[in-house]
C-alpha atoms as a PDB file:
ATOM      1  CA  UNK A   1      -1.748 -13.960  17.634  1.00  0.00           C
ATOM      2  CA  UNK A   2      -0.527 -10.376  17.478  1.00  0.00           C
ATOM      3  CA  UNK A   3      -0.226  -8.869  14.198  1.00  0.00           C
ATOM      4  CA  UNK A   4       2.447  -6.177  13.416  1.00  0.00           C
ATOM      5  CA  UNK A   5       1.329  -2.692  11.743  1.00  0.00           C
ATOM      6  CA  UNK A   6       3.011  -3.784   8.316  1.00  0.00           C
ATOM      7  CA  UNK A   7       0.949  -7.120   8.968  1.00  0.00           C
ATOM      8  CA  UNK A   8      -2.027  -5.006   9.003  1.00  0.00           C
ATOM      9  CA  UNK A   9      -1.657  -2.443   6.162  1.00  0.00           C
ATOM     10  CA  UNK A  10      -1.610  -5.812   4.012  1.00  0.00           C
ATOM     11  CA  UNK A  11      -4.842  -6.861   5.973  1.00  0.00           C
ATOM     12  CA  UNK A  12      -6.671  -3.840   5.410  1.00  0.00           C
ATOM     13  CA  UNK A  13      -4.936  -3.437   1.698  1.00  0.00           C
ATOM     14  CA  UNK A  14      -6.659  -6.625   0.888  1.00  0.00           C
ATOM     15  CA  UNK A  15      -9.756  -6.080   2.301  1.00  0.00           C
ATOM     16  CA  UNK A  16      -9.632  -2.272   0.506  1.00  0.00           C
ATOM     17  CA  UNK A  17      -9.196  -4.327  -2.881  1.00  0.00           C
ATOM     18  CA  UNK A  18     -11.567  -7.261  -2.431  1.00  0.00           C
ATOM     19  CA  UNK A  19     -14.275  -3.982  -1.761  1.00  0.00           C
ATOM     20  CA  UNK A  20     -13.103  -2.320  -5.140  1.00  0.00           C
ATOM     21  CA  UNK A  21     -14.125  -6.258  -7.079  1.00  0.00           C
ATOM     22  CA  UNK A  22     -16.737  -8.565  -4.753  1.00  0.00           C
ATOM     23  CA  UNK A  23     -17.200 -10.419  -7.966  1.00  0.00           C
ATOM     24  CA  UNK A  24     -13.205 -11.644  -7.732  1.00  0.00           C
ATOM     25  CA  UNK A  25     -14.261 -14.970  -6.637  1.00  0.00           C
ATOM     26  CA  UNK A  26     -17.214 -15.611  -7.225  1.00  0.00           C
ATOM     27  CA  UNK A  27     -19.708 -14.594 -10.407  1.00  0.00           C
ATOM     28  CA  UNK A  28     -22.811 -12.069 -10.198  1.00  0.00           C
ATOM     29  CA  UNK A  29     -25.363 -14.953  -8.634  1.00  0.00           C
ATOM     30  CA  UNK A  30     -22.918 -15.583  -6.364  1.00  0.00           C
ATOM     31  CA  UNK A  31     -21.722 -18.982  -7.761  1.00  0.00           C
ATOM     32  CA  UNK A  32     -17.442 -19.484  -7.325  1.00  0.00           C
ATOM     33  CA  UNK A  33     -15.376 -18.810 -10.568  1.00  0.00           C
ATOM     34  CA  UNK A  34     -13.364 -21.718 -11.601  1.00  0.00           C
ATOM     35  CA  UNK A  35      -9.857 -20.621 -10.702  1.00  0.00           C
ATOM     36  CA  UNK A  36      -6.325 -21.381 -11.406  1.00  0.00           C
ATOM     37  CA  UNK A  37      -4.124 -21.471  -8.803  1.00  0.00           C
ATOM     38  CA  UNK A  38      -2.212 -18.335 -10.989  1.00  0.00           C
ATOM     39  CA  UNK A  39      -4.956 -16.648 -12.021  1.00  0.00           C
ATOM     40  CA  UNK A  40      -6.188 -17.143  -7.934  1.00  0.00           C
ATOM     41  CA  UNK A  41      -2.637 -15.442  -7.165  1.00  0.00           C
ATOM     42  CA  UNK A  42      -2.909 -13.175  -9.461  1.00  0.00           C
ATOM     43  CA  UNK A  43      -6.745 -11.800  -8.317  1.00  0.00           C
ATOM     44  CA  UNK A  44      -5.065 -11.854  -4.641  1.00  0.00           C
ATOM     45  CA  UNK A  45      -2.007  -9.860  -4.866  1.00  0.00           C
ATOM     46  CA  UNK A  46      -2.027  -8.317  -8.268  1.00  0.00           C
ATOM     47  CA  UNK A  47      -4.103  -5.143  -7.500  1.00  0.00           C
ATOM     48  CA  UNK A  48      -1.876  -4.603  -4.528  1.00  0.00           C
ATOM     49  CA  UNK A  49       1.485  -5.359  -6.386  1.00  0.00           C
ATOM     50  CA  UNK A  50      -0.078  -3.090  -9.377  1.00  0.00           C
ATOM     51  CA  UNK A  51       0.238  -0.748  -6.909  1.00  0.00           C
ATOM     52  CA  UNK A  52       3.097  -1.001  -6.089  1.00  0.00           C
ATOM     53  CA  UNK A  53       5.137  -1.166  -9.473  1.00  0.00           C
ATOM     54  CA  UNK A  54       2.227   0.167 -11.136  1.00  0.00           C
ATOM     55  CA  UNK A  55       2.486  -1.987 -14.248  1.00  0.00           C
ATOM     56  CA  UNK A  56       3.410  -5.706 -12.713  1.00  0.00           C
ATOM     57  CA  UNK A  57       0.079  -7.277 -14.593  1.00  0.00           C
ATOM     58  CA  UNK A  58       1.324  -6.384 -18.512  1.00  0.00           C
ATOM     59  CA  UNK A  59       4.868  -7.639 -17.147  1.00  0.00           C
ATOM     60  CA  UNK A  60       3.082 -11.088 -16.482  1.00  0.00           C
ATOM     61  CA  UNK A  61       0.794 -10.694 -19.458  1.00  0.00           C
ATOM     62  CA  UNK A  62       3.518  -9.825 -21.429  1.00  0.00           C
ATOM     63  CA  UNK A  63       5.810 -12.693 -19.772  1.00  0.00           C
ATOM     64  CA  UNK A  64       3.481 -15.453 -19.477  1.00  0.00           C
ATOM     65  CA  UNK A  65       3.005 -14.835 -23.298  1.00  0.00           C
ATOM     66  CA  UNK A  66       6.304 -15.224 -24.201  1.00  0.00           C
ATOM     67  CA  UNK A  67       6.431 -18.796 -22.147  1.00  0.00           C
ATOM     68  CA  UNK A  68       3.403 -19.490 -23.679  1.00  0.00           C
ATOM     69  CA  UNK A  69       5.085 -18.750 -27.466  1.00  0.00           C
ATOM     70  CA  UNK A  70       7.909 -20.636 -26.766  1.00  0.00           C
ATOM     71  CA  UNK A  71       6.681 -23.460 -25.469  1.00  0.00           C
ATOM     72  CA  UNK A  72       3.855 -24.224 -28.492  1.00  0.00           C
ATOM     73  CA  UNK A  73       7.224 -22.906 -30.839  1.00  0.00           C
ATOM     74  CA  UNK A  74       9.460 -25.897 -29.136  1.00  0.00           C
ATOM     75  CA  UNK A  75       7.054 -28.985 -29.772  1.00  0.00           C
END
């Protein structure tokens, strides 16, 4: 399988983001964190998307809060 230049850049960016925060998926003792699917997705893509869109995590947190408040208001 050959990687394109774009794939290579994406891979390098992911490694760079992981090296900046090596405790993304484990605690400081090396035990795995029990992450939900959305937490895992945000950890993997959030820093890269945040570099691109600058405030993605703020938008997601605000939108997630709206969804949660709407869901509890309907019950």
